[in-house]
Amino acid sequence: MLADAFDPDGEDDLRLSLKRKRGRRKQTNDRHVAAYVYRQRQAGVPFESAVAGAMAAFKRSRGKVTGAFSIWRPHFDLDPKLATRI
């Protein structure tokens, strides 16, 4: 990958050209998505409804929402303030 960034013909001085990867950058933070689901669960909303709400609110797939929640849930259980400080 790094070798492709250098001038391939070797005629000029060695120059490194760094380019941003194409594609869409992540717009929402996984912690925000997980905090939304966590707060809904604390309010008594069923898990599936909380996931559906997060999918609609953040325009993320079900797998991304449940993945973010499974990663952040142990942190929220240890310190619930993490879910409210957003």
N, C-alpha and C. Protein backbone atom coordinates (compact mmCIF):
# COMPACT_ATOMS: atom_id res chain seq x y z
N MET A 1 0.82 -1.19 0.00
CA MET A 1 0.00 0.00 0.00
C MET A 1 0.86 1.25 0.00
N LEU A 2 1.86 1.28 0.84
CA LEU A 2 2.70 2.46 0.91
C LEU A 2 3.55 2.58 -0.34
N ALA A 3 3.94 1.44 -0.91
CA ALA A 3 4.76 1.48 -2.13
C ALA A 3 3.97 2.07 -3.29
N ASP A 4 2.68 1.89 -3.34
CA ASP A 4 1.86 2.45 -4.40
C ASP A 4 1.75 3.97 -4.31
N ALA A 5 1.98 4.53 -3.14
CA ALA A 5 1.87 5.96 -2.97
C ALA A 5 3.07 6.70 -3.54
N PHE A 6 4.21 6.04 -3.70
CA PHE A 6 5.39 6.66 -4.26
C PHE A 6 5.29 6.73 -5.77
N ASP A 7 6.08 7.59 -6.36
CA ASP A 7 6.11 7.74 -7.81
C ASP A 7 6.60 6.43 -8.44
N PRO A 8 5.77 5.73 -9.22
CA PRO A 8 6.15 4.41 -9.70
C PRO A 8 7.23 4.42 -10.78
N ASP A 9 7.32 5.48 -11.59
CA ASP A 9 8.30 5.45 -12.66
C ASP A 9 9.70 5.79 -12.19
N GLY A 10 9.82 6.45 -11.06
CA GLY A 10 11.12 6.71 -10.46
C GLY A 10 11.90 7.82 -11.14
N GLU A 11 11.29 8.60 -12.02
CA GLU A 11 12.00 9.65 -12.72
C GLU A 11 12.24 10.87 -11.83
N ASP A 12 11.28 11.20 -11.03
CA ASP A 12 11.38 12.39 -10.17
C ASP A 12 12.00 12.01 -8.84
N ASP A 13 12.12 13.01 -8.01
CA ASP A 13 12.50 12.75 -6.62
C ASP A 13 11.40 11.90 -5.99
N LEU A 14 11.73 11.23 -4.96
CA LEU A 14 10.71 10.43 -4.28
C LEU A 14 9.71 11.37 -3.61
N ARG A 15 8.47 11.22 -4.00
CA ARG A 15 7.41 12.02 -3.40
C ARG A 15 6.33 11.09 -2.89
N LEU A 16 5.88 11.41 -1.75
CA LEU A 16 4.81 10.64 -1.13
C LEU A 16 3.51 11.40 -1.31
N SER A 17 2.54 10.80 -1.95
CA SER A 17 1.25 11.46 -2.12
C SER A 17 0.21 10.69 -1.30
N LEU A 18 -0.31 11.35 -0.30
CA LEU A 18 -1.31 10.73 0.57
C LEU A 18 -2.70 11.17 0.13
N LYS A 19 -3.56 10.22 -0.04
CA LYS A 19 -4.92 10.52 -0.46
C LYS A 19 -5.89 9.89 0.53
N ARG A 20 -7.01 10.57 0.70
CA ARG A 20 -8.06 10.04 1.56
C ARG A 20 -8.72 8.87 0.86
N LYS A 21 -9.06 7.85 1.62
CA LYS A 21 -9.76 6.71 1.06
C LYS A 21 -11.13 7.14 0.57
N ARG A 22 -11.55 6.58 -0.54
CA ARG A 22 -12.85 6.90 -1.09
C ARG A 22 -13.94 6.28 -0.23
N GLY A 23 -15.11 6.83 -0.34
CA GLY A 23 -16.24 6.28 0.39
C GLY A 23 -16.74 7.24 1.45
N ARG A 24 -17.80 6.82 2.07
CA ARG A 24 -18.45 7.65 3.08
C ARG A 24 -17.79 7.43 4.43
N ARG A 25 -17.50 8.52 5.10
CA ARG A 25 -16.94 8.41 6.43
C ARG A 25 -18.05 8.21 7.45
N LYS A 26 -17.71 7.61 8.56
CA LYS A 26 -18.69 7.33 9.60
C LYS A 26 -19.25 8.64 10.16
N GLN A 27 -20.55 8.77 10.13
CA GLN A 27 -21.20 10.00 10.56
C GLN A 27 -21.63 9.96 12.03
N THR A 28 -21.99 8.79 12.52
CA THR A 28 -22.47 8.69 13.89
C THR A 28 -21.50 7.86 14.72
N ASN A 29 -21.43 8.19 15.95
CA ASN A 29 -20.57 7.48 16.88
C ASN A 29 -21.31 6.26 17.41
N ASP A 30 -20.62 5.12 17.49
CA ASP A 30 -21.26 3.91 18.00
C ASP A 30 -21.73 4.08 19.44
N ARG A 31 -21.01 4.89 20.20
CA ARG A 31 -21.41 5.11 21.59
C ARG A 31 -22.75 5.82 21.67
N HIS A 32 -23.02 6.74 20.76
CA HIS A 32 -24.30 7.45 20.76
C HIS A 32 -25.45 6.49 20.46
N VAL A 33 -25.22 5.60 19.50
CA VAL A 33 -26.25 4.62 19.14
C VAL A 33 -26.51 3.69 20.32
N ALA A 34 -25.44 3.21 20.94
CA ALA A 34 -25.58 2.29 22.08
C ALA A 34 -26.24 2.99 23.26
N ALA A 35 -25.91 4.27 23.47
CA ALA A 35 -26.50 5.01 24.58
C ALA A 35 -28.00 5.20 24.37
N TYR A 36 -28.40 5.42 23.13
CA TYR A 36 -29.82 5.54 22.82
C TYR A 36 -30.56 4.27 23.21
N VAL A 37 -30.03 3.11 22.82
CA VAL A 37 -30.67 1.84 23.14
C VAL A 37 -30.65 1.62 24.65
N TYR A 38 -29.54 1.94 25.30
CA TYR A 38 -29.41 1.74 26.76
C TYR A 38 -30.43 2.60 27.52
N ARG A 39 -30.58 3.85 27.12
CA ARG A 39 -31.54 4.73 27.80
C ARG A 39 -32.98 4.26 27.59
N GLN A 40 -33.26 3.77 26.38
CA GLN A 40 -34.59 3.23 26.12
C GLN A 40 -34.86 2.01 26.99
N ARG A 41 -33.87 1.14 27.12
CA ARG A 41 -34.02 -0.06 27.96
C ARG A 41 -34.22 0.33 29.43
N GLN A 42 -33.53 1.35 29.89
CA GLN A 42 -33.69 1.81 31.27
C GLN A 42 -35.09 2.38 31.50
N ALA A 43 -35.69 2.91 30.46
CA ALA A 43 -37.04 3.48 30.56
C ALA A 43 -38.12 2.40 30.47
N GLY A 44 -37.74 1.15 30.24
CA GLY A 44 -38.70 0.06 30.21
C GLY A 44 -39.17 -0.33 28.82
N VAL A 45 -38.55 0.20 27.79
CA VAL A 45 -38.92 -0.14 26.42
C VAL A 45 -38.31 -1.50 26.08
N PRO A 46 -39.06 -2.38 25.42
CA PRO A 46 -38.49 -3.68 25.03
C PRO A 46 -37.28 -3.50 24.10
N PHE A 47 -36.39 -4.48 24.13
CA PHE A 47 -35.14 -4.39 23.37
C PHE A 47 -35.39 -4.19 21.87
N GLU A 48 -36.28 -4.98 21.31
CA GLU A 48 -36.53 -4.89 19.87
C GLU A 48 -37.07 -3.52 19.48
N SER A 49 -37.91 -2.94 20.33
CA SER A 49 -38.43 -1.61 20.04
C SER A 49 -37.34 -0.55 20.16
N ALA A 50 -36.45 -0.72 21.13
CA ALA A 50 -35.34 0.22 21.29
C ALA A 50 -34.40 0.14 20.10
N VAL A 51 -34.15 -1.07 19.60
CA VAL A 51 -33.29 -1.24 18.44
C VAL A 51 -33.94 -0.62 17.20
N ALA A 52 -35.24 -0.84 17.04
CA ALA A 52 -35.96 -0.27 15.90
C ALA A 52 -35.94 1.26 15.95
N GLY A 53 -36.07 1.82 17.14
CA GLY A 53 -35.99 3.27 17.29
C GLY A 53 -34.62 3.82 16.95
N ALA A 54 -33.58 3.11 17.36
CA ALA A 54 -32.22 3.54 17.03
C ALA A 54 -31.94 3.42 15.55
N MET A 55 -32.49 2.38 14.92
CA MET A 55 -32.32 2.21 13.48
C MET A 55 -32.95 3.38 12.73
N ALA A 56 -34.11 3.82 13.18
CA ALA A 56 -34.79 4.94 12.53
C ALA A 56 -34.11 6.27 12.85
N ALA A 57 -33.68 6.45 14.09
CA ALA A 57 -33.10 7.72 14.50
C ALA A 57 -31.72 7.96 13.87
N PHE A 58 -30.91 6.91 13.77
CA PHE A 58 -29.53 7.06 13.29
C PHE A 58 -29.32 6.55 11.88
N LYS A 59 -30.38 5.97 11.27
CA LYS A 59 -30.28 5.41 9.91
C LYS A 59 -29.15 4.39 9.81
N ARG A 60 -29.14 3.47 10.78
CA ARG A 60 -28.14 2.40 10.81
C ARG A 60 -28.86 1.07 10.69
N SER A 61 -28.14 0.04 10.27
CA SER A 61 -28.73 -1.29 10.14
C SER A 61 -28.87 -1.94 11.52
N ARG A 62 -29.66 -2.99 11.56
CA ARG A 62 -29.89 -3.68 12.83
C ARG A 62 -28.59 -4.27 13.38
N GLY A 63 -27.77 -4.81 12.50
CA GLY A 63 -26.49 -5.38 12.93
C GLY A 63 -25.55 -4.35 13.53
N LYS A 64 -25.52 -3.16 12.95
CA LYS A 64 -24.67 -2.09 13.48
C LYS A 64 -25.16 -1.63 14.84
N VAL A 65 -26.48 -1.53 15.00
CA VAL A 65 -27.05 -1.07 16.27
C VAL A 65 -26.80 -2.10 17.37
N THR A 66 -27.10 -3.38 17.09
CA THR A 66 -26.90 -4.40 18.12
C THR A 66 -25.42 -4.63 18.39
N GLY A 67 -24.58 -4.48 17.37
CA GLY A 67 -23.13 -4.62 17.58
C GLY A 67 -22.59 -3.52 18.48
N ALA A 68 -23.02 -2.29 18.23
CA ALA A 68 -22.58 -1.17 19.07
C ALA A 68 -23.07 -1.35 20.50
N PHE A 69 -24.31 -1.81 20.65
CA PHE A 69 -24.85 -2.00 22.00
C PHE A 69 -24.11 -3.11 22.74
N SER A 70 -23.77 -4.20 22.04
CA SER A 70 -23.07 -5.29 22.71
C SER A 70 -21.65 -4.88 23.13
N ILE A 71 -21.04 -3.98 22.38
CA ILE A 71 -19.70 -3.51 22.75
C ILE A 71 -19.76 -2.54 23.93
N TRP A 72 -20.72 -1.61 23.92
CA TRP A 72 -20.77 -0.55 24.92
C TRP A 72 -21.57 -0.91 26.17
N ARG A 73 -22.40 -1.95 26.13
CA ARG A 73 -23.24 -2.28 27.28
C ARG A 73 -22.43 -2.55 28.56
N PRO A 74 -21.33 -3.33 28.53
CA PRO A 74 -20.58 -3.53 29.77
C PRO A 74 -20.04 -2.22 30.36
N HIS A 75 -19.68 -1.29 29.51
CA HIS A 75 -19.18 0.01 29.99
C HIS A 75 -20.30 0.82 30.63
N PHE A 76 -21.49 0.77 30.03
CA PHE A 76 -22.63 1.49 30.59
C PHE A 76 -23.08 0.86 31.91
N ASP A 77 -22.96 -0.47 32.03
CA ASP A 77 -23.34 -1.13 33.27
C ASP A 77 -22.40 -0.76 34.41
N LEU A 78 -21.11 -0.59 34.09
CA LEU A 78 -20.15 -0.19 35.12
C LEU A 78 -20.31 1.28 35.51
N ASP A 79 -20.55 2.13 34.53
CA ASP A 79 -20.69 3.56 34.78
C ASP A 79 -21.84 4.11 33.94
N PRO A 80 -23.05 4.15 34.49
CA PRO A 80 -24.20 4.61 33.72
C PRO A 80 -24.10 6.06 33.24
N LYS A 81 -23.22 6.84 33.84
CA LYS A 81 -23.05 8.23 33.40
C LYS A 81 -22.53 8.32 31.96
N LEU A 82 -21.85 7.27 31.49
CA LEU A 82 -21.34 7.27 30.13
C LEU A 82 -22.47 7.36 29.10
N ALA A 83 -23.62 6.81 29.45
CA ALA A 83 -24.75 6.82 28.54
C ALA A 83 -25.48 8.16 28.53
N THR A 84 -25.26 8.96 29.55
CA THR A 84 -25.97 10.25 29.63
C THR A 84 -25.09 11.41 29.22
N ARG A 85 -23.79 11.26 29.22
CA ARG A 85 -22.87 12.35 28.85
C ARG A 85 -22.57 12.31 27.37
N ILE A 86 -23.52 12.73 26.58
CA ILE A 86 -23.30 12.73 25.12
C ILE A 86 -23.66 14.08 24.56
